[in-house]
N, C-alpha and C. Protein backbone atom coordinates (compact mmCIF):
# COMPACT_ATOMS: atom_id res chain seq x y z
N MET A 1 97.94 116.79 -48.55
CA MET A 1 97.35 116.16 -49.72
C MET A 1 98.43 115.72 -50.70
N LEU A 2 99.52 116.46 -50.80
CA LEU A 2 100.58 116.09 -51.73
C LEU A 2 101.24 114.77 -51.33
N TRP A 3 101.35 114.53 -50.02
CA TRP A 3 101.92 113.25 -49.56
C TRP A 3 101.01 112.09 -49.97
N ILE A 4 99.73 112.27 -49.82
CA ILE A 4 98.79 111.21 -50.20
C ILE A 4 98.84 110.98 -51.71
N LYS A 5 98.90 112.05 -52.46
CA LYS A 5 99.01 111.93 -53.92
C LYS A 5 100.30 111.19 -54.30
N ALA A 6 101.40 111.54 -53.64
CA ALA A 6 102.68 110.87 -53.92
C ALA A 6 102.59 109.37 -53.61
N PHE A 7 102.01 109.02 -52.46
CA PHE A 7 101.86 107.61 -52.11
C PHE A 7 100.92 106.89 -53.07
N HIS A 8 99.88 107.59 -53.52
CA HIS A 8 98.95 107.00 -54.48
C HIS A 8 99.67 106.69 -55.79
N ILE A 9 100.47 107.61 -56.26
CA ILE A 9 101.21 107.39 -57.50
C ILE A 9 102.21 106.25 -57.34
N MET A 10 102.92 106.20 -56.21
CA MET A 10 103.87 105.10 -55.99
C MET A 10 103.16 103.76 -55.93
N ALA A 11 102.03 103.72 -55.27
CA ALA A 11 101.27 102.46 -55.17
C ALA A 11 100.74 102.06 -56.54
N PHE A 12 100.25 103.03 -57.29
CA PHE A 12 99.74 102.78 -58.63
C PHE A 12 100.83 102.20 -59.53
N VAL A 13 102.03 102.79 -59.47
CA VAL A 13 103.15 102.32 -60.28
C VAL A 13 103.54 100.90 -59.87
N ALA A 14 103.64 100.66 -58.58
CA ALA A 14 104.01 99.32 -58.10
C ALA A 14 102.96 98.28 -58.49
N TRP A 15 101.70 98.65 -58.36
CA TRP A 15 100.62 97.72 -58.72
C TRP A 15 100.69 97.38 -60.20
N PHE A 16 100.83 98.39 -61.03
CA PHE A 16 100.88 98.14 -62.47
C PHE A 16 102.14 97.39 -62.87
N ALA A 17 103.23 97.60 -62.19
CA ALA A 17 104.44 96.82 -62.48
C ALA A 17 104.13 95.33 -62.32
N GLY A 18 103.43 95.00 -61.24
CA GLY A 18 103.03 93.62 -61.02
C GLY A 18 102.02 93.13 -62.03
N LEU A 19 101.05 93.99 -62.36
CA LEU A 19 100.02 93.61 -63.34
C LEU A 19 100.63 93.37 -64.73
N PHE A 20 101.72 94.06 -65.04
CA PHE A 20 102.41 93.84 -66.31
C PHE A 20 103.29 92.58 -66.25
N TYR A 21 103.96 92.40 -65.13
CA TYR A 21 104.98 91.35 -65.05
C TYR A 21 104.42 89.96 -64.77
N LEU A 22 103.41 89.85 -63.92
CA LEU A 22 102.90 88.53 -63.55
C LEU A 22 102.37 87.74 -64.75
N PRO A 23 101.54 88.33 -65.62
CA PRO A 23 101.11 87.56 -66.79
C PRO A 23 102.28 87.17 -67.70
N ARG A 24 103.32 88.00 -67.75
CA ARG A 24 104.51 87.66 -68.54
C ARG A 24 105.19 86.43 -67.94
N LEU A 25 105.25 86.36 -66.61
CA LEU A 25 105.79 85.16 -65.97
C LEU A 25 104.95 83.94 -66.34
N PHE A 26 103.63 84.12 -66.38
CA PHE A 26 102.75 83.01 -66.77
C PHE A 26 103.05 82.53 -68.19
N VAL A 27 103.38 83.45 -69.09
CA VAL A 27 103.71 83.08 -70.47
C VAL A 27 104.85 82.08 -70.45
N TYR A 28 105.90 82.39 -69.73
CA TYR A 28 107.07 81.51 -69.68
C TYR A 28 106.79 80.25 -68.86
N HIS A 29 106.04 80.40 -67.79
CA HIS A 29 105.73 79.26 -66.92
C HIS A 29 104.88 78.23 -67.66
N ALA A 30 103.97 78.69 -68.50
CA ALA A 30 103.09 77.77 -69.23
C ALA A 30 103.89 76.83 -70.12
N ASP A 31 105.05 77.27 -70.59
CA ASP A 31 105.89 76.44 -71.45
C ASP A 31 106.92 75.62 -70.68
N ALA A 32 107.07 75.87 -69.39
CA ALA A 32 108.05 75.13 -68.59
C ALA A 32 107.49 73.76 -68.22
N PRO A 33 108.32 72.73 -68.30
CA PRO A 33 107.85 71.39 -67.91
C PRO A 33 107.44 71.35 -66.44
N LYS A 34 106.29 70.76 -66.16
CA LYS A 34 105.81 70.67 -64.78
C LYS A 34 106.82 69.88 -63.94
N GLY A 35 107.06 70.42 -62.74
CA GLY A 35 107.98 69.76 -61.82
C GLY A 35 109.44 70.09 -62.08
N SER A 36 109.72 70.79 -63.14
CA SER A 36 111.11 71.14 -63.45
C SER A 36 111.61 72.22 -62.50
N GLU A 37 112.92 72.37 -62.46
CA GLU A 37 113.51 73.42 -61.63
C GLU A 37 113.03 74.80 -62.09
N LEU A 38 112.90 74.98 -63.39
CA LEU A 38 112.42 76.23 -63.94
C LEU A 38 110.99 76.52 -63.48
N SER A 39 110.14 75.51 -63.54
CA SER A 39 108.76 75.67 -63.09
C SER A 39 108.70 76.04 -61.61
N GLU A 40 109.52 75.40 -60.82
CA GLU A 40 109.53 75.68 -59.38
C GLU A 40 110.02 77.11 -59.11
N THR A 41 110.97 77.58 -59.90
CA THR A 41 111.45 78.95 -59.77
C THR A 41 110.34 79.94 -60.10
N PHE A 42 109.60 79.66 -61.18
CA PHE A 42 108.48 80.54 -61.53
C PHE A 42 107.44 80.58 -60.42
N LYS A 43 107.18 79.46 -59.79
CA LYS A 43 106.20 79.42 -58.70
C LYS A 43 106.59 80.39 -57.58
N VAL A 44 107.87 80.38 -57.22
CA VAL A 44 108.36 81.26 -56.15
C VAL A 44 108.23 82.72 -56.59
N MET A 45 108.65 83.01 -57.82
CA MET A 45 108.58 84.39 -58.33
C MET A 45 107.15 84.89 -58.37
N GLU A 46 106.24 84.06 -58.86
CA GLU A 46 104.84 84.45 -58.97
C GLU A 46 104.22 84.70 -57.61
N ARG A 47 104.47 83.79 -56.68
CA ARG A 47 103.90 83.93 -55.34
C ARG A 47 104.41 85.19 -54.65
N ARG A 48 105.71 85.43 -54.73
CA ARG A 48 106.28 86.60 -54.07
C ARG A 48 105.80 87.91 -54.71
N LEU A 49 105.77 87.93 -56.03
CA LEU A 49 105.30 89.12 -56.73
C LEU A 49 103.86 89.44 -56.33
N TYR A 50 103.02 88.42 -56.34
CA TYR A 50 101.60 88.63 -56.06
C TYR A 50 101.39 89.08 -54.61
N HIS A 51 101.95 88.33 -53.67
CA HIS A 51 101.65 88.59 -52.26
C HIS A 51 102.48 89.71 -51.65
N ALA A 52 103.72 89.88 -52.08
CA ALA A 52 104.59 90.88 -51.45
C ALA A 52 104.51 92.25 -52.11
N ILE A 53 104.11 92.28 -53.39
CA ILE A 53 104.08 93.57 -54.10
C ILE A 53 102.67 93.94 -54.53
N MET A 54 102.03 93.06 -55.26
CA MET A 54 100.75 93.42 -55.88
C MET A 54 99.62 93.63 -54.88
N VAL A 55 99.48 92.73 -53.93
CA VAL A 55 98.38 92.87 -52.96
C VAL A 55 98.57 94.13 -52.10
N PRO A 56 99.76 94.35 -51.50
CA PRO A 56 99.92 95.58 -50.73
C PRO A 56 99.75 96.85 -51.58
N ALA A 57 100.24 96.82 -52.82
CA ALA A 57 100.11 98.00 -53.69
C ALA A 57 98.65 98.27 -54.02
N MET A 58 97.89 97.22 -54.31
CA MET A 58 96.47 97.41 -54.61
C MET A 58 95.73 97.97 -53.39
N ILE A 59 96.04 97.45 -52.23
CA ILE A 59 95.41 97.95 -51.00
C ILE A 59 95.76 99.43 -50.81
N ALA A 60 97.01 99.78 -51.04
CA ALA A 60 97.43 101.18 -50.89
C ALA A 60 96.71 102.08 -51.90
N VAL A 61 96.51 101.59 -53.12
CA VAL A 61 95.77 102.36 -54.13
C VAL A 61 94.34 102.58 -53.64
N TRP A 62 93.73 101.53 -53.10
CA TRP A 62 92.34 101.64 -52.65
C TRP A 62 92.20 102.51 -51.39
N ILE A 63 93.26 102.66 -50.62
CA ILE A 63 93.20 103.55 -49.45
C ILE A 63 93.47 104.99 -49.87
N THR A 64 94.55 105.20 -50.61
CA THR A 64 94.94 106.57 -50.94
C THR A 64 94.06 107.20 -52.01
N GLY A 65 93.55 106.41 -52.95
CA GLY A 65 92.72 106.96 -54.02
C GLY A 65 91.44 107.59 -53.52
N PRO A 66 90.60 106.84 -52.82
CA PRO A 66 89.37 107.46 -52.29
C PRO A 66 89.65 108.60 -51.30
N LEU A 67 90.72 108.46 -50.51
CA LEU A 67 91.07 109.54 -49.59
C LEU A 67 91.42 110.81 -50.37
N LEU A 68 92.19 110.65 -51.42
CA LEU A 68 92.55 111.78 -52.27
C LEU A 68 91.32 112.38 -52.94
N ALA A 69 90.44 111.53 -53.44
CA ALA A 69 89.21 112.02 -54.08
C ALA A 69 88.35 112.79 -53.09
N TYR A 70 88.27 112.30 -51.87
CA TYR A 70 87.52 112.99 -50.83
C TYR A 70 88.13 114.36 -50.54
N MET A 71 89.45 114.39 -50.42
CA MET A 71 90.13 115.65 -50.10
C MET A 71 90.00 116.66 -51.24
N MET A 72 89.88 116.17 -52.47
CA MET A 72 89.74 117.05 -53.63
C MET A 72 88.29 117.41 -53.90
N GLY A 73 87.38 116.75 -53.22
CA GLY A 73 85.96 116.98 -53.47
C GLY A 73 85.52 116.47 -54.83
N ALA A 74 86.11 115.36 -55.25
CA ALA A 74 85.89 114.86 -56.62
C ALA A 74 84.87 113.72 -56.69
N PHE A 75 84.26 113.35 -55.59
CA PHE A 75 83.36 112.18 -55.61
C PHE A 75 82.14 112.36 -56.51
N SER A 76 81.78 113.56 -56.81
CA SER A 76 80.63 113.77 -57.69
C SER A 76 81.03 113.92 -59.16
N ASP A 77 82.32 113.86 -59.45
CA ASP A 77 82.80 114.02 -60.83
C ASP A 77 82.63 112.73 -61.62
N PRO A 78 81.98 112.81 -62.79
CA PRO A 78 81.75 111.61 -63.59
C PRO A 78 83.04 110.90 -64.03
N TRP A 79 84.11 111.66 -64.30
CA TRP A 79 85.36 111.01 -64.70
C TRP A 79 85.87 110.10 -63.59
N LEU A 80 85.66 110.53 -62.33
CA LEU A 80 86.10 109.71 -61.20
C LEU A 80 85.28 108.43 -61.10
N HIS A 81 83.99 108.52 -61.37
CA HIS A 81 83.15 107.32 -61.36
C HIS A 81 83.65 106.32 -62.39
N ALA A 82 83.99 106.82 -63.57
CA ALA A 82 84.51 105.95 -64.63
C ALA A 82 85.85 105.33 -64.19
N LYS A 83 86.70 106.14 -63.60
CA LYS A 83 87.99 105.64 -63.13
C LYS A 83 87.80 104.58 -62.06
N LEU A 84 86.93 104.84 -61.10
CA LEU A 84 86.68 103.87 -60.04
C LEU A 84 86.13 102.55 -60.60
N LEU A 85 85.28 102.64 -61.60
CA LEU A 85 84.78 101.44 -62.24
C LEU A 85 85.93 100.64 -62.86
N LEU A 86 86.82 101.32 -63.55
CA LEU A 86 87.98 100.64 -64.15
C LEU A 86 88.89 100.03 -63.08
N VAL A 87 89.11 100.75 -62.00
CA VAL A 87 89.95 100.23 -60.92
C VAL A 87 89.27 99.04 -60.25
N PHE A 88 87.96 99.08 -60.11
CA PHE A 88 87.22 97.95 -59.56
C PHE A 88 87.38 96.72 -60.46
N ILE A 89 87.22 96.90 -61.77
CA ILE A 89 87.39 95.79 -62.71
C ILE A 89 88.82 95.28 -62.68
N LEU A 90 89.78 96.19 -62.60
CA LEU A 90 91.19 95.82 -62.52
C LEU A 90 91.48 95.02 -61.25
N SER A 91 90.80 95.35 -60.18
CA SER A 91 90.95 94.59 -58.93
C SER A 91 90.44 93.16 -59.12
N GLY A 92 89.35 93.01 -59.86
CA GLY A 92 88.87 91.67 -60.19
C GLY A 92 89.84 90.93 -61.07
N PHE A 93 90.48 91.64 -62.01
CA PHE A 93 91.51 91.05 -62.85
C PHE A 93 92.65 90.53 -61.98
N GLN A 94 93.02 91.31 -60.97
CA GLN A 94 94.06 90.84 -60.06
C GLN A 94 93.61 89.58 -59.34
N GLY A 95 92.34 89.51 -59.00
CA GLY A 95 91.82 88.29 -58.38
C GLY A 95 91.99 87.09 -59.29
N ALA A 96 91.75 87.28 -60.59
CA ALA A 96 91.96 86.19 -61.56
C ALA A 96 93.44 85.81 -61.61
N LEU A 97 94.31 86.81 -61.58
CA LEU A 97 95.74 86.51 -61.57
C LEU A 97 96.12 85.70 -60.33
N GLY A 98 95.53 86.07 -59.19
CA GLY A 98 95.80 85.32 -57.96
C GLY A 98 95.35 83.87 -58.07
N LYS A 99 94.21 83.66 -58.71
CA LYS A 99 93.73 82.29 -58.94
C LYS A 99 94.72 81.53 -59.80
N TRP A 100 95.24 82.19 -60.84
CA TRP A 100 96.20 81.50 -61.72
C TRP A 100 97.52 81.24 -61.02
N VAL A 101 97.91 82.09 -60.07
CA VAL A 101 99.10 81.81 -59.27
C VAL A 101 98.90 80.50 -58.53
N ARG A 102 97.71 80.31 -57.94
CA ARG A 102 97.42 79.07 -57.22
C ARG A 102 97.37 77.87 -58.16
N VAL A 103 96.79 78.06 -59.33
CA VAL A 103 96.70 76.97 -60.31
C VAL A 103 98.11 76.52 -60.73
N PHE A 104 98.97 77.47 -61.02
CA PHE A 104 100.35 77.12 -61.38
C PHE A 104 101.06 76.46 -60.21
N ALA A 105 100.82 76.95 -58.98
CA ALA A 105 101.47 76.39 -57.79
C ALA A 105 101.11 74.92 -57.61
N GLU A 106 99.90 74.55 -58.05
CA GLU A 106 99.44 73.16 -57.93
C GLU A 106 99.71 72.35 -59.20
N ASP A 107 100.49 72.92 -60.13
CA ASP A 107 100.77 72.28 -61.42
C ASP A 107 99.50 71.94 -62.18
N GLY A 108 98.51 72.80 -62.05
CA GLY A 108 97.22 72.52 -62.68
C GLY A 108 96.92 73.38 -63.90
N ASN A 109 97.89 74.14 -64.39
CA ASN A 109 97.62 75.01 -65.53
C ASN A 109 97.31 74.20 -66.79
N THR A 110 96.25 74.60 -67.48
CA THR A 110 95.90 73.96 -68.75
C THR A 110 95.85 74.97 -69.88
N ARG A 111 96.16 76.22 -69.59
CA ARG A 111 96.11 77.28 -70.60
C ARG A 111 97.47 77.42 -71.29
N SER A 112 97.42 77.90 -72.52
CA SER A 112 98.63 78.04 -73.32
C SER A 112 99.36 79.35 -73.03
N ALA A 113 100.61 79.39 -73.44
CA ALA A 113 101.38 80.63 -73.33
C ALA A 113 100.71 81.73 -74.15
N LYS A 114 100.10 81.37 -75.27
CA LYS A 114 99.42 82.35 -76.11
C LYS A 114 98.28 83.03 -75.34
N PHE A 115 97.53 82.26 -74.56
CA PHE A 115 96.46 82.82 -73.74
C PHE A 115 97.01 83.89 -72.81
N TYR A 116 98.13 83.58 -72.15
CA TYR A 116 98.71 84.54 -71.21
C TYR A 116 99.33 85.74 -71.92
N ARG A 117 99.75 85.57 -73.16
CA ARG A 117 100.24 86.72 -73.94
C ARG A 117 99.10 87.72 -74.17
N VAL A 118 97.92 87.20 -74.44
CA VAL A 118 96.75 88.08 -74.62
C VAL A 118 96.39 88.73 -73.29
N VAL A 119 96.36 87.94 -72.22
CA VAL A 119 96.07 88.47 -70.88
C VAL A 119 97.05 89.57 -70.52
N ASN A 120 98.29 89.42 -70.94
CA ASN A 120 99.34 90.38 -70.63
C ASN A 120 99.06 91.77 -71.19
N GLU A 121 98.18 91.88 -72.18
CA GLU A 121 97.87 93.18 -72.79
C GLU A 121 96.76 93.93 -72.06
N ILE A 122 95.99 93.24 -71.25
CA ILE A 122 94.85 93.85 -70.57
C ILE A 122 95.24 95.03 -69.69
N PRO A 123 96.28 94.90 -68.84
CA PRO A 123 96.62 96.06 -68.00
C PRO A 123 97.00 97.31 -68.80
N THR A 124 97.58 97.12 -69.97
CA THR A 124 97.95 98.27 -70.80
C THR A 124 96.72 99.07 -71.19
N LEU A 125 95.66 98.39 -71.57
CA LEU A 125 94.42 99.07 -71.95
C LEU A 125 93.84 99.86 -70.77
N PHE A 126 93.89 99.25 -69.60
CA PHE A 126 93.38 99.93 -68.40
C PHE A 126 94.26 101.12 -68.04
N LEU A 127 95.57 100.96 -68.16
CA LEU A 127 96.48 102.06 -67.86
C LEU A 127 96.17 103.27 -68.75
N ILE A 128 96.02 103.02 -70.04
CA ILE A 128 95.73 104.10 -70.98
C ILE A 128 94.42 104.80 -70.59
N ALA A 129 93.39 104.03 -70.35
CA ALA A 129 92.08 104.61 -70.03
C ALA A 129 92.13 105.39 -68.71
N ILE A 130 92.76 104.84 -67.70
CA ILE A 130 92.80 105.51 -66.39
C ILE A 130 93.60 106.80 -66.46
N VAL A 131 94.75 106.76 -67.09
CA VAL A 131 95.56 107.98 -67.20
C VAL A 131 94.82 109.06 -67.98
N LEU A 132 94.17 108.66 -69.07
CA LEU A 132 93.43 109.65 -69.85
C LEU A 132 92.28 110.26 -69.03
N LEU A 133 91.60 109.44 -68.27
CA LEU A 133 90.52 109.95 -67.42
C LEU A 133 91.04 110.94 -66.38
N VAL A 134 92.15 110.60 -65.74
CA VAL A 134 92.68 111.45 -64.67
C VAL A 134 93.25 112.76 -65.22
N VAL A 135 93.96 112.66 -66.32
CA VAL A 135 94.61 113.86 -66.85
C VAL A 135 93.63 114.75 -67.61
N LEU A 136 92.82 114.16 -68.47
CA LEU A 136 91.93 114.95 -69.32
C LEU A 136 90.59 115.31 -68.67
N LYS A 137 90.18 114.46 -67.71
CA LYS A 137 88.87 114.66 -67.06
C LYS A 137 87.82 115.00 -68.13
N PRO A 138 87.58 114.07 -69.06
CA PRO A 138 86.75 114.38 -70.23
C PRO A 138 85.27 114.63 -69.94
N PHE A 139 84.80 114.25 -68.79
CA PHE A 139 83.39 114.50 -68.44
C PHE A 139 83.25 114.61 -66.94
C-alpha cells in the first residue's frame, strides 16, 4: 500500500505542476504575435507539457487513487466523496486546458492574457481543498 501511496503522491504532484504551469504558458502565449517564433515555441511547450506530463499523471492519479481508497476501505467516507468530486471537476478543467492547447496550436485564441491569469488560480483553490479534505477528513 505504501508503494501505491507514493506513486499517487508523485502523480498528484506532477499533475498539479502541469495544472499550474500550462495556464501560465497561456498567459504569455496570448500576448505573443501569431506566427512568431515565440508563439511557435509556446505551442511546442504546451503540447509536450499536456501530452507527455499532464495526461499520464492524471491517468496515474485516477488509477492509484481509487486503488488506494479501496485498500484503505475509504469508499464509504464522505470526505473521499468530496475529494473525488473535486478530482472529477479538475479532470474536466484539464479537458478545457487541452482544448485551449488545440486552439493555440491553430492560432485561434481570442482570449486575453488576463483571462488566463484568472484561470491560472483555479488549480490553487482545488489543491487547498483537496489537501484539507485528505489531511483533516472533516466529515
